[in-house]
Amino acid sequence: MADSPTPAECYCCGRSFAEEDLARLACHDEVALCSGCIGWLADQVSSVTRAVPVLRSPSLEAQSAFWSAAGSA
């Protein structure tokens, strides 16, 4: 007899799901979300009006020269 999946609860809606039907946050593995709540959350992102990318650079001098040449510094 196969073991039945252990139910887990969606952190957002509170409904029970099999563990494999939930996604856990990498930074807080105690937070699990079902696909319905993930879809709702993704829809909320469309209201974001500003994003600021952070780009790593091994050389501050090279990065400064690049942005100066691009006219941003």
PDB file of N, CA and C in Angstrom:
ATOM      1  N   MET A   1       0.843  -1.180   0.000  1.00  0.00           N
ATOM      2  CA  MET A   1       0.000   0.000   0.000  1.00  0.00           C
ATOM      3  C   MET A   1       0.889   1.244   0.000  1.00  0.00           C
ATOM      4  N   ALA A   2       0.654   2.136  -0.950  1.00  0.00           N
ATOM      5  CA  ALA A   2       1.466   3.345  -1.069  1.00  0.00           C
ATOM      6  C   ALA A   2       1.056   4.359  -0.008  1.00  0.00           C
ATOM      7  N   ASP A   3       2.043   5.103   0.446  1.00  0.00           N
ATOM      8  CA  ASP A   3       1.754   6.169   1.407  1.00  0.00           C
ATOM      9  C   ASP A   3       0.994   7.285   0.716  1.00  0.00           C
ATOM     10  N   SER A   4      -0.012   7.831   1.391  1.00  0.00           N
ATOM     11  CA  SER A   4      -0.730   8.970   0.818  1.00  0.00           C
ATOM     12  C   SER A   4       0.089  10.226   1.070  1.00  0.00           C
ATOM     13  N   PRO A   5       0.014  11.218   0.132  1.00  0.00           N
ATOM     14  CA  PRO A   5       0.810  12.436   0.322  1.00  0.00           C
ATOM     15  C   PRO A   5       0.410  13.180   1.583  1.00  0.00           C
ATOM     16  N   THR A   6       1.382  13.738   2.242  1.00  0.00           N
ATOM     17  CA  THR A   6       1.130  14.529   3.443  1.00  0.00           C
ATOM     18  C   THR A   6       0.539  15.868   3.026  1.00  0.00           C
ATOM     19  N   PRO A   7      -0.645  16.212   3.533  1.00  0.00           N
ATOM     20  CA  PRO A   7      -1.217  17.513   3.149  1.00  0.00           C
ATOM     21  C   PRO A   7      -0.464  18.659   3.807  1.00  0.00           C
ATOM     22  N   ALA A   8      -0.404  19.750   3.086  1.00  0.00           N
ATOM     23  CA  ALA A   8       0.200  20.971   3.605  1.00  0.00           C
ATOM     24  C   ALA A   8      -0.766  22.105   3.299  1.00  0.00           C
ATOM     25  N   GLU A   9      -0.618  23.194   3.996  1.00  0.00           N
ATOM     26  CA  GLU A   9      -1.561  24.305   3.870  1.00  0.00           C
ATOM     27  C   GLU A   9      -0.940  25.466   3.099  1.00  0.00           C
ATOM     28  N   CYS A  10      -1.739  26.057   2.198  1.00  0.00           N
ATOM     29  CA  CYS A  10      -1.310  27.258   1.496  1.00  0.00           C
ATOM     30  C   CYS A  10      -1.287  28.411   2.499  1.00  0.00           C
ATOM     31  N   TYR A  11      -0.193  29.113   2.554  1.00  0.00           N
ATOM     32  CA  TYR A  11      -0.005  30.219   3.497  1.00  0.00           C
ATOM     33  C   TYR A  11      -0.998  31.350   3.235  1.00  0.00           C
ATOM     34  N   CYS A  12      -1.445  31.482   1.975  1.00  0.00           N
ATOM     35  CA  CYS A  12      -2.331  32.584   1.592  1.00  0.00           C
ATOM     36  C   CYS A  12      -3.812  32.249   1.818  1.00  0.00           C
ATOM     37  N   CYS A  13      -4.292  31.185   1.181  1.00  0.00           N
ATOM     38  CA  CYS A  13      -5.729  30.891   1.239  1.00  0.00           C
ATOM     39  C   CYS A  13      -6.106  29.916   2.351  1.00  0.00           C
ATOM     40  N   GLY A  14      -5.122  29.193   2.898  1.00  0.00           N
ATOM     41  CA  GLY A  14      -5.374  28.286   4.010  1.00  0.00           C
ATOM     42  C   GLY A  14      -5.906  26.919   3.615  1.00  0.00           C
ATOM     43  N   ARG A  15      -6.079  26.663   2.312  1.00  0.00           N
ATOM     44  CA  ARG A  15      -6.578  25.347   1.882  1.00  0.00           C
ATOM     45  C   ARG A  15      -5.454  24.312   1.922  1.00  0.00           C
ATOM     46  N   SER A  16      -5.833  23.055   2.085  1.00  0.00           N
ATOM     47  CA  SER A  16      -4.861  21.958   2.143  1.00  0.00           C
ATOM     48  C   SER A  16      -4.570  21.427   0.751  1.00  0.00           C
ATOM     49  N   PHE A  17      -3.306  21.144   0.495  1.00  0.00           N
ATOM     50  CA  PHE A  17      -2.843  20.595  -0.774  1.00  0.00           C
ATOM     51  C   PHE A  17      -1.781  19.554  -0.496  1.00  0.00           C
ATOM     52  N   ALA A  18      -1.540  18.680  -1.475  1.00  0.00           N
ATOM     53  CA  ALA A  18      -0.394  17.782  -1.374  1.00  0.00           C
ATOM     54  C   ALA A  18       0.858  18.645  -1.478  1.00  0.00           C
ATOM     55  N   GLU A  19       1.902  18.252  -0.792  1.00  0.00           N
ATOM     56  CA  GLU A  19       3.141  19.030  -0.763  1.00  0.00           C
ATOM     57  C   GLU A  19       3.657  19.347  -2.165  1.00  0.00           C
ATOM     58  N   GLU A  20       3.547  18.386  -3.077  1.00  0.00           N
ATOM     59  CA  GLU A  20       4.060  18.612  -4.435  1.00  0.00           C
ATOM     60  C   GLU A  20       3.220  19.611  -5.242  1.00  0.00           C
ATOM     61  N   ASP A  21       2.069  19.999  -4.731  1.00  0.00           N
ATOM     62  CA  ASP A  21       1.217  20.987  -5.399  1.00  0.00           C
ATOM     63  C   ASP A  21       1.410  22.396  -4.849  1.00  0.00           C
ATOM     64  N   LEU A  22       2.389  22.565  -3.978  1.00  0.00           N
ATOM     65  CA  LEU A  22       2.682  23.869  -3.398  1.00  0.00           C
ATOM     66  C   LEU A  22       4.095  24.301  -3.775  1.00  0.00           C
ATOM     67  N   ALA A  23       4.298  25.598  -3.877  1.00  0.00           N
ATOM     68  CA  ALA A  23       5.639  26.160  -4.100  1.00  0.00           C
ATOM     69  C   ALA A  23       6.061  26.849  -2.809  1.00  0.00           C
ATOM     70  N   ARG A  24       7.273  26.588  -2.392  1.00  0.00           N
ATOM     71  CA  ARG A  24       7.789  27.206  -1.170  1.00  0.00           C
ATOM     72  C   ARG A  24       8.766  28.314  -1.528  1.00  0.00           C
ATOM     73  N   LEU A  25       8.755  29.378  -0.742  1.00  0.00           N
ATOM     74  CA  LEU A  25       9.695  30.466  -0.956  1.00  0.00           C
ATOM     75  C   LEU A  25      11.097  30.001  -0.575  1.00  0.00           C
ATOM     76  N   ALA A  26      12.086  30.371  -1.376  1.00  0.00           N
ATOM     77  CA  ALA A  26      13.457  29.949  -1.098  1.00  0.00           C
ATOM     78  C   ALA A  26      13.977  30.579   0.188  1.00  0.00           C
ATOM     79  N   CYS A  27      13.576  31.829   0.452  1.00  0.00           N
ATOM     80  CA  CYS A  27      14.088  32.525   1.629  1.00  0.00           C
ATOM     81  C   CYS A  27      13.298  32.211   2.898  1.00  0.00           C
ATOM     82  N   HIS A  28      12.083  31.671   2.754  1.00  0.00           N
ATOM     83  CA  HIS A  28      11.249  31.302   3.908  1.00  0.00           C
ATOM     84  C   HIS A  28      10.513  30.022   3.550  1.00  0.00           C
ATOM     85  N   ASP A  29      11.160  28.872   3.764  1.00  0.00           N
ATOM     86  CA  ASP A  29      10.541  27.620   3.339  1.00  0.00           C
ATOM     87  C   ASP A  29       9.290  27.257   4.135  1.00  0.00           C
ATOM     88  N   GLU A  30       8.995  28.018   5.184  1.00  0.00           N
ATOM     89  CA  GLU A  30       7.737  27.780   5.906  1.00  0.00           C
ATOM     90  C   GLU A  30       6.540  28.364   5.150  1.00  0.00           C
ATOM     91  N   VAL A  31       6.792  29.199   4.149  1.00  0.00           N
ATOM     92  CA  VAL A  31       5.725  29.815   3.352  1.00  0.00           C
ATOM     93  C   VAL A  31       5.530  28.994   2.082  1.00  0.00           C
ATOM     94  N   ALA A  32       4.360  28.365   1.954  1.00  0.00           N
ATOM     95  CA  ALA A  32       4.020  27.569   0.779  1.00  0.00           C
ATOM     96  C   ALA A  32       2.774  28.179   0.140  1.00  0.00           C
ATOM     97  N   LEU A  33       2.774  28.258  -1.191  1.00  0.00           N
ATOM     98  CA  LEU A  33       1.649  28.851  -1.911  1.00  0.00           C
ATOM     99  C   LEU A  33       1.126  27.889  -2.965  1.00  0.00           C
ATOM    100  N   CYS A  34      -0.200  27.871  -3.138  1.00  0.00           N
ATOM    101  CA  CYS A  34      -0.823  27.053  -4.168  1.00  0.00           C
ATOM    102  C   CYS A  34      -0.781  27.808  -5.505  1.00  0.00           C
ATOM    103  N   SER A  35      -1.077  27.131  -6.601  1.00  0.00           N
ATOM    104  CA  SER A  35      -0.997  27.763  -7.921  1.00  0.00           C
ATOM    105  C   SER A  35      -2.020  28.887  -8.068  1.00  0.00           C
ATOM    106  N   GLY A  36      -3.171  28.771  -7.442  1.00  0.00           N
ATOM    107  CA  GLY A  36      -4.166  29.839  -7.513  1.00  0.00           C
ATOM    108  C   GLY A  36      -3.676  31.120  -6.863  1.00  0.00           C
ATOM    109  N   CYS A  37      -3.047  30.999  -5.712  1.00  0.00           N
ATOM    110  CA  CYS A  37      -2.530  32.179  -5.021  1.00  0.00           C
ATOM    111  C   CYS A  37      -1.303  32.740  -5.731  1.00  0.00           C
ATOM    112  N   ILE A  38      -0.486  31.865  -6.325  1.00  0.00           N
ATOM    113  CA  ILE A  38       0.659  32.342  -7.100  1.00  0.00           C
ATOM    114  C   ILE A  38       0.161  33.127  -8.312  1.00  0.00           C
ATOM    115  N   GLY A  39      -0.900  32.643  -8.980  1.00  0.00           N
ATOM    116  CA  GLY A  39      -1.477  33.364 -10.108  1.00  0.00           C
ATOM    117  C   GLY A  39      -2.000  34.728  -9.688  1.00  0.00           C
ATOM    118  N   TRP A  40      -2.684  34.776  -8.557  1.00  0.00           N
ATOM    119  CA  TRP A  40      -3.194  36.057  -8.056  1.00  0.00           C
ATOM    120  C   TRP A  40      -2.035  37.004  -7.782  1.00  0.00           C
ATOM    121  N   LEU A  41      -0.988  36.493  -7.144  1.00  0.00           N
ATOM    122  CA  LEU A  41       0.167  37.319  -6.822  1.00  0.00           C
ATOM    123  C   LEU A  41       0.841  37.833  -8.095  1.00  0.00           C
ATOM    124  N   ALA A  42       0.969  36.986  -9.103  1.00  0.00           N
ATOM    125  CA  ALA A  42       1.571  37.411 -10.374  1.00  0.00           C
ATOM    126  C   ALA A  42       0.747  38.525 -11.010  1.00  0.00           C
ATOM    127  N   ASP A  43      -0.563  38.473 -10.899  1.00  0.00           N
ATOM    128  CA  ASP A  43      -1.415  39.532 -11.443  1.00  0.00           C
ATOM    129  C   ASP A  43      -1.173  40.858 -10.731  1.00  0.00           C
ATOM    130  N   GLN A  44      -0.793  40.821  -9.467  1.00  0.00           N
ATOM    131  CA  GLN A  44      -0.547  42.037  -8.713  1.00  0.00           C
ATOM    132  C   GLN A  44       0.726  42.738  -9.187  1.00  0.00           C
ATOM    133  N   VAL A  45       1.645  41.977  -9.728  1.00  0.00           N
ATOM    134  CA  VAL A  45       2.918  42.535 -10.185  1.00  0.00           C
ATOM    135  C   VAL A  45       2.699  43.515 -11.324  1.00  0.00           C
ATOM    136  N   SER A  46       1.641  43.342 -12.102  1.00  0.00           N
ATOM    137  CA  SER A  46       1.396  44.243 -13.230  1.00  0.00           C
ATOM    138  C   SER A  46       1.153  45.675 -12.758  1.00  0.00           C
ATOM    139  N   SER A  47       0.874  45.853 -11.479  1.00  0.00           N
ATOM    140  CA  SER A  47       0.651  47.198 -10.963  1.00  0.00           C
ATOM    141  C   SER A  47       1.962  47.882 -10.546  1.00  0.00           C
ATOM    142  N   VAL A  48       3.091  47.164 -10.658  1.00  0.00           N
ATOM    143  CA  VAL A  48       4.381  47.754 -10.328  1.00  0.00           C
ATOM    144  C   VAL A  48       4.723  48.799 -11.378  1.00  0.00           C
ATOM    145  N   THR A  49       5.046  49.994 -10.948  1.00  0.00           N
ATOM    146  CA  THR A  49       5.312  51.078 -11.890  1.00  0.00           C
ATOM    147  C   THR A  49       6.800  51.396 -12.019  1.00  0.00           C
ATOM    148  N   ARG A  50       7.622  50.851 -11.146  1.00  0.00           N
ATOM    149  CA  ARG A  50       9.041  51.169 -11.191  1.00  0.00           C
ATOM    150  C   ARG A  50       9.861  49.957 -10.767  1.00  0.00           C
ATOM    151  N   ALA A  51      10.885  49.671 -11.526  1.00  0.00           N
ATOM    152  CA  ALA A  51      11.813  48.607 -11.168  1.00  0.00           C
ATOM    153  C   ALA A  51      13.221  49.140 -11.338  1.00  0.00           C
ATOM    154  N   VAL A  52      14.089  48.795 -10.411  1.00  0.00           N
ATOM    155  CA  VAL A  52      15.474  49.260 -10.467  1.00  0.00           C
ATOM    156  C   VAL A  52      16.373  48.030 -10.480  1.00  0.00           C
ATOM    157  N   PRO A  53      16.975  47.720 -11.636  1.00  0.00           N
ATOM    158  CA  PRO A  53      17.869  46.564 -11.669  1.00  0.00           C
ATOM    159  C   PRO A  53      19.194  46.884 -10.981  1.00  0.00           C
ATOM    160  N   VAL A  54      19.764  45.896 -10.362  1.00  0.00           N
ATOM    161  CA  VAL A  54      21.075  46.035  -9.740  1.00  0.00           C
ATOM    162  C   VAL A  54      22.000  45.072 -10.472  1.00  0.00           C
ATOM    163  N   LEU A  55      23.000  45.626 -11.142  1.00  0.00           N
ATOM    164  CA  LEU A  55      23.918  44.825 -11.935  1.00  0.00           C
ATOM    165  C   LEU A  55      25.286  44.773 -11.265  1.00  0.00           C
ATOM    166  N   ARG A  56      25.785  43.574 -11.086  1.00  0.00           N
ATOM    167  CA  ARG A  56      27.106  43.404 -10.469  1.00  0.00           C
ATOM    168  C   ARG A  56      28.188  43.684 -11.493  1.00  0.00           C
ATOM    169  N   SER A  57      29.287  44.186 -11.028  1.00  0.00           N
ATOM    170  CA  SER A  57      30.429  44.446 -11.883  1.00  0.00           C
ATOM    171  C   SER A  57      31.704  44.127 -11.112  1.00  0.00           C
ATOM    172  N   PRO A  58      32.640  43.437 -11.744  1.00  0.00           N
ATOM    173  CA  PRO A  58      33.882  43.128 -11.040  1.00  0.00           C
ATOM    174  C   PRO A  58      34.805  44.345 -10.922  1.00  0.00           C
ATOM    175  N   SER A  59      34.506  45.408 -11.697  1.00  0.00           N
ATOM    176  CA  SER A  59      35.390  46.561 -11.697  1.00  0.00           C
ATOM    177  C   SER A  59      34.578  47.853 -11.648  1.00  0.00           C
ATOM    178  N   LEU A  60      34.723  48.595 -10.570  1.00  0.00           N
ATOM    179  CA  LEU A  60      34.027  49.869 -10.437  1.00  0.00           C
ATOM    180  C   LEU A  60      34.511  50.857 -11.496  1.00  0.00           C
ATOM    181  N   GLU A  61      35.819  50.823 -11.791  1.00  0.00           N
ATOM    182  CA  GLU A  61      36.372  51.734 -12.794  1.00  0.00           C
ATOM    183  C   GLU A  61      35.773  51.457 -14.177  1.00  0.00           C
ATOM    184  N   ALA A  62      35.685  50.182 -14.557  1.00  0.00           N
ATOM    185  CA  ALA A  62      35.121  49.817 -15.860  1.00  0.00           C
ATOM    186  C   ALA A  62      33.646  50.187 -15.928  1.00  0.00           C
ATOM    187  N   GLN A  63      32.940  49.965 -14.844  1.00  0.00           N
ATOM    188  CA  GLN A  63      31.517  50.301 -14.811  1.00  0.00           C
ATOM    189  C   GLN A  63      31.331  51.818 -14.932  1.00  0.00           C
ATOM    190  N   SER A  64      32.124  52.591 -14.227  1.00  0.00           N
ATOM    191  CA  SER A  64      32.038  54.043 -14.285  1.00  0.00           C
ATOM    192  C   SER A  64      32.355  54.545 -15.692  1.00  0.00           C
ATOM    193  N   ALA A  65      33.372  53.975 -16.316  1.00  0.00           N
ATOM    194  CA  ALA A  65      33.732  54.372 -17.673  1.00  0.00           C
ATOM    195  C   ALA A  65      32.613  54.045 -18.651  1.00  0.00           C
ATOM    196  N   PHE A  66      31.984  52.874 -18.483  1.00  0.00           N
ATOM    197  CA  PHE A  66      30.878  52.479 -19.364  1.00  0.00           C
ATOM    198  C   PHE A  66      29.726  53.476 -19.271  1.00  0.00           C
ATOM    199  N   TRP A  67      29.288  53.776 -18.043  1.00  0.00           N
ATOM    200  CA  TRP A  67      28.148  54.678 -17.878  1.00  0.00           C
ATOM    201  C   TRP A  67      28.493  56.127 -18.270  1.00  0.00           C
ATOM    202  N   SER A  68      29.725  56.517 -18.081  1.00  0.00           N
ATOM    203  CA  SER A  68      30.143  57.850 -18.538  1.00  0.00           C
ATOM    204  C   SER A  68      30.060  57.934 -20.057  1.00  0.00           C
ATOM    205  N   ALA A  69      30.537  56.885 -20.737  1.00  0.00           N
ATOM    206  CA  ALA A  69      30.474  56.851 -22.191  1.00  0.00           C
ATOM    207  C   ALA A  69      29.031  56.793 -22.681  1.00  0.00           C
ATOM    208  N   ALA A  70      28.162  56.185 -21.896  1.00  0.00           N
ATOM    209  CA  ALA A  70      26.761  56.075 -22.272  1.00  0.00           C
ATOM    210  C   ALA A  70      25.996  57.380 -21.984  1.00  0.00           C
ATOM    211  N   GLY A  71      26.638  58.296 -21.266  1.00  0.00           N
ATOM    212  CA  GLY A  71      26.018  59.574 -20.972  1.00  0.00           C
ATOM    213  C   GLY A  71      25.137  59.571 -19.735  1.00  0.00           C
ATOM    214  N   SER A  72      25.327  58.604 -18.847  1.00  0.00           N
ATOM    215  CA  SER A  72      24.495  58.489 -17.653  1.00  0.00           C
ATOM    216  C   SER A  72      25.192  58.933 -16.387  1.00  0.00           C
ATOM    217  N   ALA A  73      26.427  59.357 -16.468  1.00  0.00           N
ATOM    218  CA  ALA A  73      27.122  59.723 -15.224  1.00  0.00           C
ATOM    219  C   ALA A  73      27.545  61.170 -15.255  1.00  0.00           C
TER     220      ALA A  73
END
